[in-house]
Amino acid sequence: MEYLLIMFLVIVTIFLGKVGTWFGFSEVVGQLFSGIILGSSIFNIVQSSNLIHLIAEIGIFLLMLNSGLESDLKEMKRYIKASSLIAVMGVLLPLITFPIAFLLLGYNIQTSIFAGVVFSATSISITLAVLSEQKKLATAIGAIILSAAVIDDIIALFAVTLFSVLVGGGALGINSILPLLAFALGILLRKYNFSDKIGVISTKMGNSFFYPVFFGSIGLEIVIQGLGDKITAIIIFSILAIVTKFVGSLWGAKISGLDTRVSSAVGAGMISRGEMALVIIQIGISSHIIDDYTSAEFIVAVIVSTIVAPIIMKPLFKKI
């Protein structure tokens, strides 16, 4: 019976992902809603289980492996100065601002610091989609943004790995290091001729089964019943998620010598959190750094940033 429910989750997740794209949203947004709808928040048809968690972990591995395979180190080196400044500033501002905001709102220090880590990440896939749509993928600005996003995510992955290890009392769990290892493996494999085949196979496996289970499983963890009294906090988190990344990345771009228009486009291109933030949230849940209620607040803010990012990006990209 569990296998049938998992397949049902996959089908609904893929379908809602497509529905999301029909309305101009990221596919990830629609996929997250499948878990919310099918889980305990609404219909309670599918419950989280050890098998779902295992499949989700494989999904994380494939997702990060593909991110590594798509990371062109040579291209990153060309714009390493600008990309590094953008990435560092784009990480630092959320990393500083979110813990302060969370502490002021009454969260404990562990959750507050973890919030900074979650919202320091950037979604490469969302940025890729908009850059491709605007025919900016093969341009210098495209290379700078993607390089910055990759560096940004490497920093975030290191941060969450270190944080989960420290919180776990020094125990280096597979949940903590799996994304980092998969990402590194993808980068290492990229230089070999067979890497394209690996990318094609892993992408097909991910898109057809493992990714839907991963994103759906995150939705299953969300408990919306307890979010009513947290609406003010969620609005604040969502605004901070957008503003800190935009401003931090814009500052980094300006410091690196880019003009205001290009810097603004770069800032917009770094806003979306998407799948990387969700991977980090999942690590937080698995490592017992955050509970289901807190993860739900994070996920809502991630969804908002994922929806808003392309809306801001498109007009700014048209100007450059």
C-alpha atoms as a PDB file:
ATOM      1  CA  MET A   1       0.000   0.000   0.000  1.00  0.00           C
ATOM      2  CA  GLU A   2       2.828   2.385   0.844  1.00  0.00           C
ATOM      3  CA  TYR A   3       4.333   1.938  -2.615  1.00  0.00           C
ATOM      4  CA  LEU A   4       1.024   2.897  -4.213  1.00  0.00           C
ATOM      5  CA  LEU A   5       0.773   5.988  -2.023  1.00  0.00           C
ATOM      6  CA  ILE A   6       4.307   7.000  -2.988  1.00  0.00           C
ATOM      7  CA  MET A   7       3.464   6.620  -6.673  1.00  0.00           C
ATOM      8  CA  PHE A   8       0.326   8.669  -6.085  1.00  0.00           C
ATOM      9  CA  LEU A   9       2.478  11.336  -4.424  1.00  0.00           C
ATOM     10  CA  VAL A  10       4.824  11.306  -7.434  1.00  0.00           C
ATOM     11  CA  ILE A  11       1.980  11.661  -9.945  1.00  0.00           C
ATOM     12  CA  VAL A  12       0.278  14.480  -8.047  1.00  0.00           C
ATOM     13  CA  THR A  13       3.596  16.248  -7.456  1.00  0.00           C
ATOM     14  CA  ILE A  14       4.578  16.151 -11.129  1.00  0.00           C
ATOM     15  CA  PHE A  15       1.108  17.318 -12.159  1.00  0.00           C
ATOM     16  CA  LEU A  16       1.024  20.238  -9.716  1.00  0.00           C
ATOM     17  CA  GLY A  17       4.547  21.177 -10.768  1.00  0.00           C
ATOM     18  CA  LYS A  18       3.304  21.512 -14.342  1.00  0.00           C
ATOM     19  CA  VAL A  19       0.274  23.460 -13.150  1.00  0.00           C
ATOM     20  CA  GLY A  20       2.641  25.855 -11.402  1.00  0.00           C
ATOM     21  CA  THR A  21       4.517  26.515 -14.639  1.00  0.00           C
ATOM     22  CA  TRP A  22       1.233  27.130 -16.482  1.00  0.00           C
ATOM     23  CA  PHE A  23       0.602  30.017 -14.099  1.00  0.00           C
ATOM     24  CA  GLY A  24       4.125  31.349 -14.539  1.00  0.00           C
ATOM     25  CA  PHE A  25       5.500  30.046 -11.246  1.00  0.00           C
ATOM     26  CA  SER A  26       8.458  27.790 -10.630  1.00  0.00           C
ATOM     27  CA  GLU A  27       7.776  24.074 -10.925  1.00  0.00           C
ATOM     28  CA  VAL A  28       9.147  23.667  -7.403  1.00  0.00           C
ATOM     29  CA  VAL A  29       6.321  25.769  -5.963  1.00  0.00           C
ATOM     30  CA  GLY A  30       3.658  23.502  -7.428  1.00  0.00           C
ATOM     31  CA  GLN A  31       5.519  20.418  -6.281  1.00  0.00           C
ATOM     32  CA  LEU A  32       5.674  21.645  -2.704  1.00  0.00           C
ATOM     33  CA  PHE A  33       1.919  22.097  -2.645  1.00  0.00           C
ATOM     34  CA  SER A  34       1.381  18.422  -3.463  1.00  0.00           C
ATOM     35  CA  GLY A  35       2.795  17.366  -0.113  1.00  0.00           C
ATOM     36  CA  ILE A  36       0.780  20.024   1.696  1.00  0.00           C
ATOM     37  CA  ILE A  37      -2.437  18.898   0.001  1.00  0.00           C
ATOM     38  CA  LEU A  38      -1.861  15.160   0.388  1.00  0.00           C
ATOM     39  CA  GLY A  39      -0.326  15.371   3.863  1.00  0.00           C
ATOM     40  CA  SER A  40      -1.753  15.922   7.323  1.00  0.00           C
ATOM     41  CA  SER A  41      -2.358  19.615   6.667  1.00  0.00           C
ATOM     42  CA  ILE A  42      -5.325  18.944   4.361  1.00  0.00           C
ATOM     43  CA  PHE A  43      -6.378  15.467   3.151  1.00  0.00           C
ATOM     44  CA  ASN A  44      -4.024  13.272   5.211  1.00  0.00           C
ATOM     45  CA  ILE A  45      -3.753  10.700   2.414  1.00  0.00           C
ATOM     46  CA  VAL A  46       0.034  10.305   2.474  1.00  0.00           C
ATOM     47  CA  GLN A  47       2.109  10.293   5.643  1.00  0.00           C
ATOM     48  CA  SER A  48       5.833  10.758   5.901  1.00  0.00           C
ATOM     49  CA  SER A  49       7.699   7.479   6.382  1.00  0.00           C
ATOM     50  CA  ASN A  50      11.201   6.028   6.502  1.00  0.00           C
ATOM     51  CA  LEU A  51      10.894   4.904   2.892  1.00  0.00           C
ATOM     52  CA  ILE A  52       9.832   8.363   1.738  1.00  0.00           C
ATOM     53  CA  HIS A  53      12.740   9.876   3.657  1.00  0.00           C
ATOM     54  CA  LEU A  54      15.143   7.429   2.006  1.00  0.00           C
ATOM     55  CA  ILE A  55      13.845   8.249  -1.475  1.00  0.00           C
ATOM     56  CA  ALA A  56      14.002  11.954  -0.640  1.00  0.00           C
ATOM     57  CA  GLU A  57      17.650  11.578   0.404  1.00  0.00           C
ATOM     58  CA  ILE A  58      18.411   9.982  -2.962  1.00  0.00           C
ATOM     59  CA  GLY A  59      16.576  12.893  -4.570  1.00  0.00           C
ATOM     60  CA  ILE A  60      18.792  15.353  -2.706  1.00  0.00           C
ATOM     61  CA  PHE A  61      21.868  13.442  -3.843  1.00  0.00           C
ATOM     62  CA  LEU A  62      20.798  13.507  -7.501  1.00  0.00           C
ATOM     63  CA  LEU A  63      19.789  17.161  -7.295  1.00  0.00           C
ATOM     64  CA  MET A  64      23.141  18.223  -5.904  1.00  0.00           C
ATOM     65  CA  LEU A  65      25.036  15.877  -8.235  1.00  0.00           C
ATOM     66  CA  ASN A  66      23.390  17.557 -11.215  1.00  0.00           C
ATOM     67  CA  SER A  67      24.131  20.999  -9.786  1.00  0.00           C
ATOM     68  CA  GLY A  68      27.784  20.018  -9.636  1.00  0.00           C
ATOM     69  CA  LEU A  69      27.712  18.597 -13.158  1.00  0.00           C
ATOM     70  CA  GLU A  70      26.269  21.885 -14.427  1.00  0.00           C
ATOM     71  CA  SER A  71      28.887  24.023 -12.655  1.00  0.00           C
ATOM     72  CA  ASP A  72      31.500  25.178 -15.157  1.00  0.00           C
ATOM     73  CA  LEU A  73      34.649  25.883 -13.139  1.00  0.00           C
ATOM     74  CA  LYS A  74      36.437  27.437 -16.127  1.00  0.00           C
ATOM     75  CA  GLU A  75      33.621  29.921 -16.617  1.00  0.00           C
ATOM     76  CA  MET A  76      33.571  30.620 -12.892  1.00  0.00           C
ATOM     77  CA  LYS A  77      37.282  31.423 -12.938  1.00  0.00           C
ATOM     78  CA  ARG A  78      36.771  34.044 -15.647  1.00  0.00           C
ATOM     79  CA  TYR A  79      34.546  36.101 -13.382  1.00  0.00           C
ATOM     80  CA  ILE A  80      35.847  34.905 -10.041  1.00  0.00           C
ATOM     81  CA  LYS A  81      36.350  38.370  -8.541  1.00  0.00           C
ATOM     82  CA  ALA A  82      32.874  39.703  -9.300  1.00  0.00           C
ATOM     83  CA  SER A  83      31.169  36.384  -8.578  1.00  0.00           C
ATOM     84  CA  SER A  84      32.962  35.923  -5.268  1.00  0.00           C
ATOM     85  CA  LEU A  85      32.116  39.418  -4.060  1.00  0.00           C
ATOM     86  CA  ILE A  86      28.483  38.985  -5.084  1.00  0.00           C
ATOM     87  CA  ALA A  87      28.264  35.579  -3.424  1.00  0.00           C
ATOM     88  CA  VAL A  88      29.966  36.637  -0.195  1.00  0.00           C
ATOM     89  CA  MET A  89      27.901  39.804   0.201  1.00  0.00           C
ATOM     90  CA  GLY A  90      24.765  37.906  -0.771  1.00  0.00           C
ATOM     91  CA  VAL A  91      25.481  35.369   1.962  1.00  0.00           C
ATOM     92  CA  LEU A  92      26.685  37.752   4.663  1.00  0.00           C
ATOM     93  CA  LEU A  93      23.646  40.027   4.759  1.00  0.00           C
ATOM     94  CA  PRO A  94      21.071  37.240   5.306  1.00  0.00           C
ATOM     95  CA  LEU A  95      23.496  35.426   7.597  1.00  0.00           C
ATOM     96  CA  ILE A  96      23.647  38.495   9.845  1.00  0.00           C
ATOM     97  CA  THR A  97      20.127  39.875   9.440  1.00  0.00           C
ATOM     98  CA  PHE A  98      18.042  36.724   9.897  1.00  0.00           C
ATOM     99  CA  PRO A  99      19.487  35.636  13.254  1.00  0.00           C
ATOM    100  CA  ILE A 100      18.929  39.142  14.629  1.00  0.00           C
ATOM    101  CA  ALA A 101      15.340  39.218  13.345  1.00  0.00           C
ATOM    102  CA  PHE A 102      14.594  35.741  14.665  1.00  0.00           C
ATOM    103  CA  LEU A 103      16.041  36.498  18.087  1.00  0.00           C
ATOM    104  CA  LEU A 104      13.971  39.679  18.292  1.00  0.00           C
ATOM    105  CA  LEU A 105      10.871  37.634  17.450  1.00  0.00           C
ATOM    106  CA  GLY A 106      11.582  35.243  20.311  1.00  0.00           C
ATOM    107  CA  TYR A 107      13.175  32.251  18.572  1.00  0.00           C
ATOM    108  CA  ASN A 108      16.047  30.415  20.233  1.00  0.00           C
ATOM    109  CA  ILE A 109      19.613  31.028  19.108  1.00  0.00           C
ATOM    110  CA  GLN A 110      19.922  27.654  17.350  1.00  0.00           C
ATOM    111  CA  THR A 111      16.894  28.299  15.147  1.00  0.00           C
ATOM    112  CA  SER A 112      17.941  31.904  14.592  1.00  0.00           C
ATOM    113  CA  ILE A 113      21.398  31.010  13.307  1.00  0.00           C
ATOM    114  CA  PHE A 114      19.979  28.224  11.162  1.00  0.00           C
ATOM    115  CA  ALA A 115      17.559  30.710   9.590  1.00  0.00           C
ATOM    116  CA  GLY A 116      20.543  32.753   8.448  1.00  0.00           C
ATOM    117  CA  VAL A 117      22.034  29.670   6.815  1.00  0.00           C
ATOM    118  CA  VAL A 118      18.764  28.713   5.096  1.00  0.00           C
ATOM    119  CA  PHE A 119      18.215  32.128   3.567  1.00  0.00           C
ATOM    120  CA  SER A 120      21.820  32.603   2.513  1.00  0.00           C
ATOM    121  CA  ALA A 121      21.347  30.057  -0.302  1.00  0.00           C
ATOM    122  CA  THR A 122      20.299  30.817  -3.891  1.00  0.00           C
ATOM    123  CA  SER A 123      18.297  28.710  -6.334  1.00  0.00           C
ATOM    124  CA  ILE A 124      20.374  27.996  -9.433  1.00  0.00           C
ATOM    125  CA  SER A 125      17.496  26.386 -11.323  1.00  0.00           C
ATOM    126  CA  ILE A 126      15.128  29.352 -11.036  1.00  0.00           C
ATOM    127  CA  THR A 127      17.877  31.730 -12.117  1.00  0.00           C
ATOM    128  CA  LEU A 128      18.820  29.436 -14.997  1.00  0.00           C
ATOM    129  CA  ALA A 129      15.250  29.366 -16.261  1.00  0.00           C
ATOM    130  CA  VAL A 130      14.867  33.148 -16.335  1.00  0.00           C
ATOM    131  CA  LEU A 131      18.327  33.719 -17.833  1.00  0.00           C
ATOM    132  CA  SER A 132      17.517  31.235 -20.579  1.00  0.00           C
ATOM    133  CA  GLU A 133      14.134  32.814 -21.242  1.00  0.00           C
ATOM    134  CA  GLN A 134      15.693  36.282 -21.494  1.00  0.00           C
ATOM    135  CA  LYS A 135      18.520  34.987 -23.744  1.00  0.00           C
ATOM    136  CA  LYS A 136      21.111  36.035 -21.151  1.00  0.00           C
ATOM    137  CA  LEU A 137      22.477  32.597 -20.310  1.00  0.00           C
ATOM    138  CA  ALA A 138      25.491  32.781 -22.631  1.00  0.00           C
ATOM    139  CA  THR A 139      26.333  36.391 -21.753  1.00  0.00           C
ATOM    140  CA  ALA A 140      28.812  37.751 -19.225  1.00  0.00           C
ATOM    141  CA  ILE A 141      26.003  38.710 -16.860  1.00  0.00           C
ATOM    142  CA  GLY A 142      24.637  35.180 -17.072  1.00  0.00           C
ATOM    143  CA  ALA A 143      28.025  33.688 -16.269  1.00  0.00           C
ATOM    144  CA  ILE A 144      28.543  36.087 -13.361  1.00  0.00           C
ATOM    145  CA  ILE A 145      25.158  35.337 -11.803  1.00  0.00           C
ATOM    146  CA  LEU A 146      25.470  31.583 -12.197  1.00  0.00           C
ATOM    147  CA  SER A 147      29.024  31.589 -10.876  1.00  0.00           C
ATOM    148  CA  ALA A 148      27.939  33.678  -7.907  1.00  0.00           C
ATOM    149  CA  ALA A 149      24.994  31.344  -7.278  1.00  0.00           C
ATOM    150  CA  VAL A 150      27.288  28.310  -7.303  1.00  0.00           C
ATOM    151  CA  ILE A 151      29.788  29.925  -4.913  1.00  0.00           C
ATOM    152  CA  ASP A 152      26.871  31.093  -2.784  1.00  0.00           C
ATOM    153  CA  ASP A 153      25.510  27.550  -2.525  1.00  0.00           C
ATOM    154  CA  ILE A 154      28.917  26.071  -1.741  1.00  0.00           C
ATOM    155  CA  ILE A 155      29.236  28.511   1.169  1.00  0.00           C
ATOM    156  CA  ALA A 156      25.707  27.672   2.338  1.00  0.00           C
ATOM    157  CA  LEU A 157      26.352  23.928   2.134  1.00  0.00           C
ATOM    158  CA  PHE A 158      29.569  24.244   4.115  1.00  0.00           C
ATOM    159  CA  ALA A 159      27.773  26.394   6.671  1.00  0.00           C
ATOM    160  CA  VAL A 160      24.875  23.991   7.173  1.00  0.00           C
ATOM    161  CA  THR A 161      27.233  21.002   7.311  1.00  0.00           C
ATOM    162  CA  LEU A 162      29.357  22.676   9.971  1.00  0.00           C
ATOM    163  CA  PHE A 163      26.330  23.895  11.891  1.00  0.00           C
ATOM    164  CA  SER A 164      24.590  20.513  11.920  1.00  0.00           C
ATOM    165  CA  VAL A 165      27.812  18.854  13.069  1.00  0.00           C
ATOM    166  CA  LEU A 166      28.268  21.340  15.913  1.00  0.00           C
ATOM    167  CA  VAL A 167      24.637  21.115  16.970  1.00  0.00           C
ATOM    168  CA  GLY A 168      24.818  17.334  16.772  1.00  0.00           C
ATOM    169  CA  GLY A 169      27.668  17.293  19.242  1.00  0.00           C
ATOM    170  CA  GLY A 170      30.363  16.668  16.682  1.00  0.00           C
ATOM    171  CA  ALA A 171      28.732  13.709  14.944  1.00  0.00           C
ATOM    172  CA  LEU A 172      29.127  13.966  11.193  1.00  0.00           C
ATOM    173  CA  GLY A 173      25.883  12.446   9.913  1.00  0.00           C
ATOM    174  CA  ILE A 174      25.192  11.420   6.341  1.00  0.00           C
ATOM    175  CA  ASN A 175      22.243  13.831   6.213  1.00  0.00           C
ATOM    176  CA  SER A 176      24.660  16.685   6.807  1.00  0.00           C
ATOM    177  CA  ILE A 177      27.375  15.821   4.311  1.00  0.00           C
ATOM    178  CA  LEU A 178      25.388  14.093   1.546  1.00  0.00           C
ATOM    179  CA  PRO A 179      24.532  17.271  -0.400  1.00  0.00           C
ATOM    180  CA  LEU A 180      28.083  18.569  -0.167  1.00  0.00           C
ATOM    181  CA  LEU A 181      29.570  15.245  -1.273  1.00  0.00           C
ATOM    182  CA  ALA A 182      27.136  14.965  -4.176  1.00  0.00           C
ATOM    183  CA  PHE A 183      27.889  18.509  -5.315  1.00  0.00           C
ATOM    184  CA  ALA A 184      31.646  17.897  -5.122  1.00  0.00           C
ATOM    185  CA  LEU A 185      31.272  14.608  -6.996  1.00  0.00           C
ATOM    186  CA  GLY A 186      29.378  16.374  -9.778  1.00  0.00           C
ATOM    187  CA  ILE A 187      32.128  18.971 -10.148  1.00  0.00           C
ATOM    188  CA  LEU A 188      34.796  16.244 -10.234  1.00  0.00           C
ATOM    189  CA  LEU A 189      32.923  14.155 -12.799  1.00  0.00           C
ATOM    190  CA  ARG A 190      32.278  17.132 -15.079  1.00  0.00           C
ATOM    191  CA  LYS A 191      35.766  16.971 -16.590  1.00  0.00           C
ATOM    192  CA  TYR A 192      35.173  13.471 -17.953  1.00  0.00           C
ATOM    193  CA  ASN A 193      33.501  12.785 -21.304  1.00  0.00           C
ATOM    194  CA  PHE A 194      30.917  10.480 -19.768  1.00  0.00           C
ATOM    195  CA  SER A 195      29.637  13.218 -17.440  1.00  0.00           C
ATOM    196  CA  ASP A 196      26.989  14.258 -19.979  1.00  0.00           C
ATOM    197  CA  LYS A 197      25.515  10.762 -19.964  1.00  0.00           C
ATOM    198  CA  ILE A 198      25.516  10.718 -16.176  1.00  0.00           C
ATOM    199  CA  GLY A 199      23.764  14.080 -16.185  1.00  0.00           C
ATOM    200  CA  VAL A 200      21.094  12.911 -18.617  1.00  0.00           C
ATOM    201  CA  ILE A 201      20.426   9.686 -16.718  1.00  0.00           C
ATOM    202  CA  SER A 202      20.421  11.281 -13.267  1.00  0.00           C
ATOM    203  CA  THR A 203      18.180  14.115 -14.455  1.00  0.00           C
ATOM    204  CA  LYS A 204      15.665  11.665 -15.912  1.00  0.00           C
ATOM    205  CA  MET A 205      15.726   9.595 -12.735  1.00  0.00           C
ATOM    206  CA  GLY A 206      15.329  12.704 -10.632  1.00  0.00           C
ATOM    207  CA  ASN A 207      12.562  14.346 -12.636  1.00  0.00           C
ATOM    208  CA  SER A 208      10.526  11.181 -13.032  1.00  0.00           C
ATOM    209  CA  PHE A 209      10.618   9.932  -9.455  1.00  0.00           C
ATOM    210  CA  PHE A 210      13.167  11.110  -6.898  1.00  0.00           C
ATOM    211  CA  TYR A 211      12.694  14.896  -7.167  1.00  0.00           C
ATOM    212  CA  PRO A 212       8.899  14.705  -6.875  1.00  0.00           C
ATOM    213  CA  VAL A 213       9.245  12.548  -3.761  1.00  0.00           C
ATOM    214  CA  PHE A 214      11.797  14.955  -2.297  1.00  0.00           C
ATOM    215  CA  PHE A 215       9.742  18.102  -2.876  1.00  0.00           C
ATOM    216  CA  GLY A 216       6.526  16.321  -1.989  1.00  0.00           C
ATOM    217  CA  SER A 217       8.065  15.025   1.242  1.00  0.00           C
ATOM    218  CA  ILE A 218       8.885  18.570   2.301  1.00  0.00           C
ATOM    219  CA  GLY A 219       5.253  19.513   1.807  1.00  0.00           C
ATOM    220  CA  LEU A 220       4.260  16.511   3.918  1.00  0.00           C
ATOM    221  CA  GLU A 221       6.273  17.960   6.804  1.00  0.00           C
ATOM    222  CA  ILE A 222       4.378  21.254   6.740  1.00  0.00           C
ATOM    223  CA  VAL A 223       1.723  21.732   9.397  1.00  0.00           C
ATOM    224  CA  ILE A 224      -0.315  24.704   8.227  1.00  0.00           C
ATOM    225  CA  GLN A 225      -2.734  24.554  11.150  1.00  0.00           C
ATOM    226  CA  GLY A 226      -0.197  26.218  13.403  1.00  0.00           C
ATOM    227  CA  LEU A 227       0.782  28.993  11.013  1.00  0.00           C
ATOM    228  CA  GLY A 228      -2.152  31.314  11.669  1.00  0.00           C
ATOM    229  CA  ASP A 229      -0.546  33.050  14.624  1.00  0.00           C
ATOM    230  CA  LYS A 230       2.787  33.243  12.789  1.00  0.00           C
ATOM    231  CA  ILE A 231       1.567  35.220   9.790  1.00  0.00           C
ATOM    232  CA  THR A 232       3.324  38.436  10.849  1.00  0.00           C
ATOM    233  CA  ALA A 233       6.605  36.598  11.322  1.00  0.00           C
ATOM    234  CA  ILE A 234       6.230  34.851   7.952  1.00  0.00           C
ATOM    235  CA  ILE A 235       5.630  38.183   6.204  1.00  0.00           C
ATOM    236  CA  ILE A 236       8.751  39.595   7.860  1.00  0.00           C
ATOM    237  CA  PHE A 237      10.793  36.527   6.856  1.00  0.00           C
ATOM    238  CA  SER A 238       9.569  36.755   3.263  1.00  0.00           C
ATOM    239  CA  ILE A 239      10.428  40.440   2.981  1.00  0.00           C
ATOM    240  CA  LEU A 240      13.835  39.861   4.551  1.00  0.00           C
ATOM    241  CA  ALA A 241      14.470  36.923   2.221  1.00  0.00           C
ATOM    242  CA  ILE A 242      13.932  39.162  -0.796  1.00  0.00           C
ATOM    243  CA  VAL A 243      15.559  42.365   0.453  1.00  0.00           C
ATOM    244  CA  THR A 244      18.692  40.912   2.078  1.00  0.00           C
ATOM    245  CA  LYS A 245      19.642  38.852  -0.950  1.00  0.00           C
ATOM    246  CA  PHE A 246      18.880  41.613  -3.422  1.00  0.00           C
ATOM    247  CA  VAL A 247      20.742  44.311  -1.498  1.00  0.00           C
ATOM    248  CA  GLY A 248      23.669  42.104  -0.486  1.00  0.00           C
ATOM    249  CA  SER A 249      24.255  40.835  -4.019  1.00  0.00           C
ATOM    250  CA  LEU A 250      23.762  44.320  -5.474  1.00  0.00           C
ATOM    251  CA  TRP A 251      26.404  45.696  -3.103  1.00  0.00           C
ATOM    252  CA  GLY A 252      28.775  42.918  -4.083  1.00  0.00           C
ATOM    253  CA  ALA A 253      28.221  43.653  -7.763  1.00  0.00           C
ATOM    254  CA  LYS A 254      28.767  47.379  -7.248  1.00  0.00           C
ATOM    255  CA  ILE A 255      31.961  46.787  -5.265  1.00  0.00           C
ATOM    256  CA  SER A 256      33.243  44.562  -8.078  1.00  0.00           C
ATOM    257  CA  GLY A 257      32.835  47.444 -10.531  1.00  0.00           C
ATOM    258  CA  LEU A 258      29.564  46.622 -12.283  1.00  0.00           C
ATOM    259  CA  ASP A 259      27.223  49.502 -13.091  1.00  0.00           C
ATOM    260  CA  THR A 260      23.915  50.078 -11.306  1.00  0.00           C
ATOM    261  CA  ARG A 261      21.665  48.492 -13.937  1.00  0.00           C
ATOM    262  CA  VAL A 262      23.727  45.330 -14.156  1.00  0.00           C
ATOM    263  CA  SER A 263      24.151  45.222 -10.372  1.00  0.00           C
ATOM    264  CA  SER A 264      20.391  45.461  -9.907  1.00  0.00           C
ATOM    265  CA  ALA A 265      19.866  42.591 -12.344  1.00  0.00           C
ATOM    266  CA  VAL A 266      22.462  40.552 -10.473  1.00  0.00           C
ATOM    267  CA  GLY A 267      20.730  41.293  -7.175  1.00  0.00           C
ATOM    268  CA  ALA A 268      17.401  40.163  -8.602  1.00  0.00           C
ATOM    269  CA  GLY A 269      18.996  37.043 -10.041  1.00  0.00           C
ATOM    270  CA  MET A 270      20.164  35.980  -6.596  1.00  0.00           C
ATOM    271  CA  ILE A 271      16.830  36.382  -4.768  1.00  0.00           C
ATOM    272  CA  SER A 272      15.227  32.994  -5.336  1.00  0.00           C
ATOM    273  CA  ARG A 273      15.904  30.321  -2.710  1.00  0.00           C
ATOM    274  CA  GLY A 274      14.103  27.359  -4.260  1.00  0.00           C
ATOM    275  CA  GLU A 275      15.557  23.877  -4.074  1.00  0.00           C
ATOM    276  CA  MET A 276      18.828  24.722  -2.306  1.00  0.00           C
ATOM    277  CA  ALA A 277      17.069  26.293   0.674  1.00  0.00           C
ATOM    278  CA  LEU A 278      14.730  23.295   0.758  1.00  0.00           C
ATOM    279  CA  VAL A 279      17.692  20.929   0.865  1.00  0.00           C
ATOM    280  CA  ILE A 280      19.090  22.889   3.809  1.00  0.00           C
ATOM    281  CA  ILE A 281      15.703  22.901   5.554  1.00  0.00           C
ATOM    282  CA  GLN A 282      15.510  19.136   5.100  1.00  0.00           C
ATOM    283  CA  ILE A 283      18.960  18.788   6.675  1.00  0.00           C
ATOM    284  CA  GLY A 284      17.707  20.911   9.567  1.00  0.00           C
ATOM    285  CA  ILE A 285      14.688  18.656  10.051  1.00  0.00           C
ATOM    286  CA  SER A 286      16.759  15.465   9.799  1.00  0.00           C
ATOM    287  CA  SER A 287      19.350  16.823  12.221  1.00  0.00           C
ATOM    288  CA  HIS A 288      16.605  17.981  14.640  1.00  0.00           C
ATOM    289  CA  ILE A 289      17.785  21.571  14.421  1.00  0.00           C
ATOM    290  CA  ILE A 290      14.251  22.779  13.655  1.00  0.00           C
ATOM    291  CA  ASP A 291      10.804  21.275  14.175  1.00  0.00           C
ATOM    292  CA  ASP A 292       7.969  20.846  11.675  1.00  0.00           C
ATOM    293  CA  TYR A 293       6.249  24.086  12.664  1.00  0.00           C
ATOM    294  CA  THR A 294       9.382  26.172  12.207  1.00  0.00           C
ATOM    295  CA  SER A 295      10.245  24.419   8.954  1.00  0.00           C
ATOM    296  CA  ALA A 296       6.782  25.322   7.666  1.00  0.00           C
ATOM    297  CA  GLU A 297       7.477  29.006   8.342  1.00  0.00           C
ATOM    298  CA  PHE A 298      10.773  28.743   6.490  1.00  0.00           C
ATOM    299  CA  ILE A 299       9.194  26.945   3.550  1.00  0.00           C
ATOM    300  CA  VAL A 300       6.442  29.543   3.139  1.00  0.00           C
ATOM    301  CA  ALA A 301       9.088  32.291   2.988  1.00  0.00           C
ATOM    302  CA  VAL A 302      11.070  30.215   0.473  1.00  0.00           C
ATOM    303  CA  ILE A 303       7.952  29.806  -1.668  1.00  0.00           C
ATOM    304  CA  VAL A 304       7.310  33.555  -1.588  1.00  0.00           C
ATOM    305  CA  SER A 305      10.877  34.360  -2.658  1.00  0.00           C
ATOM    306  CA  THR A 306      10.671  31.737  -5.406  1.00  0.00           C
ATOM    307  CA  ILE A 307       7.476  33.284  -6.756  1.00  0.00           C
ATOM    308  CA  VAL A 308       8.648  36.886  -6.468  1.00  0.00           C
ATOM    309  CA  ALA A 309      12.165  36.416  -7.886  1.00  0.00           C
ATOM    310  CA  PRO A 310      11.231  35.882 -11.568  1.00  0.00           C
ATOM    311  CA  ILE A 311       8.765  38.776 -11.384  1.00  0.00           C
ATOM    312  CA  ILE A 312      11.595  41.110 -10.336  1.00  0.00           C
ATOM    313  CA  MET A 313      14.216  39.517 -12.583  1.00  0.00           C
ATOM    314  CA  LYS A 314      12.450  39.722 -15.935  1.00  0.00           C
ATOM    315  CA  PRO A 315      12.068  43.521 -16.273  1.00  0.00           C
ATOM    316  CA  LEU A 316      15.579  44.142 -14.929  1.00  0.00           C
ATOM    317  CA  PHE A 317      17.138  41.650 -17.343  1.00  0.00           C
ATOM    318  CA  LYS A 318      15.394  43.337 -20.256  1.00  0.00           C
ATOM    319  CA  LYS A 319      17.242  46.574 -19.451  1.00  0.00           C
ATOM    320  CA  ILE A 320      20.726  45.096 -19.821  1.00  0.00           C
END
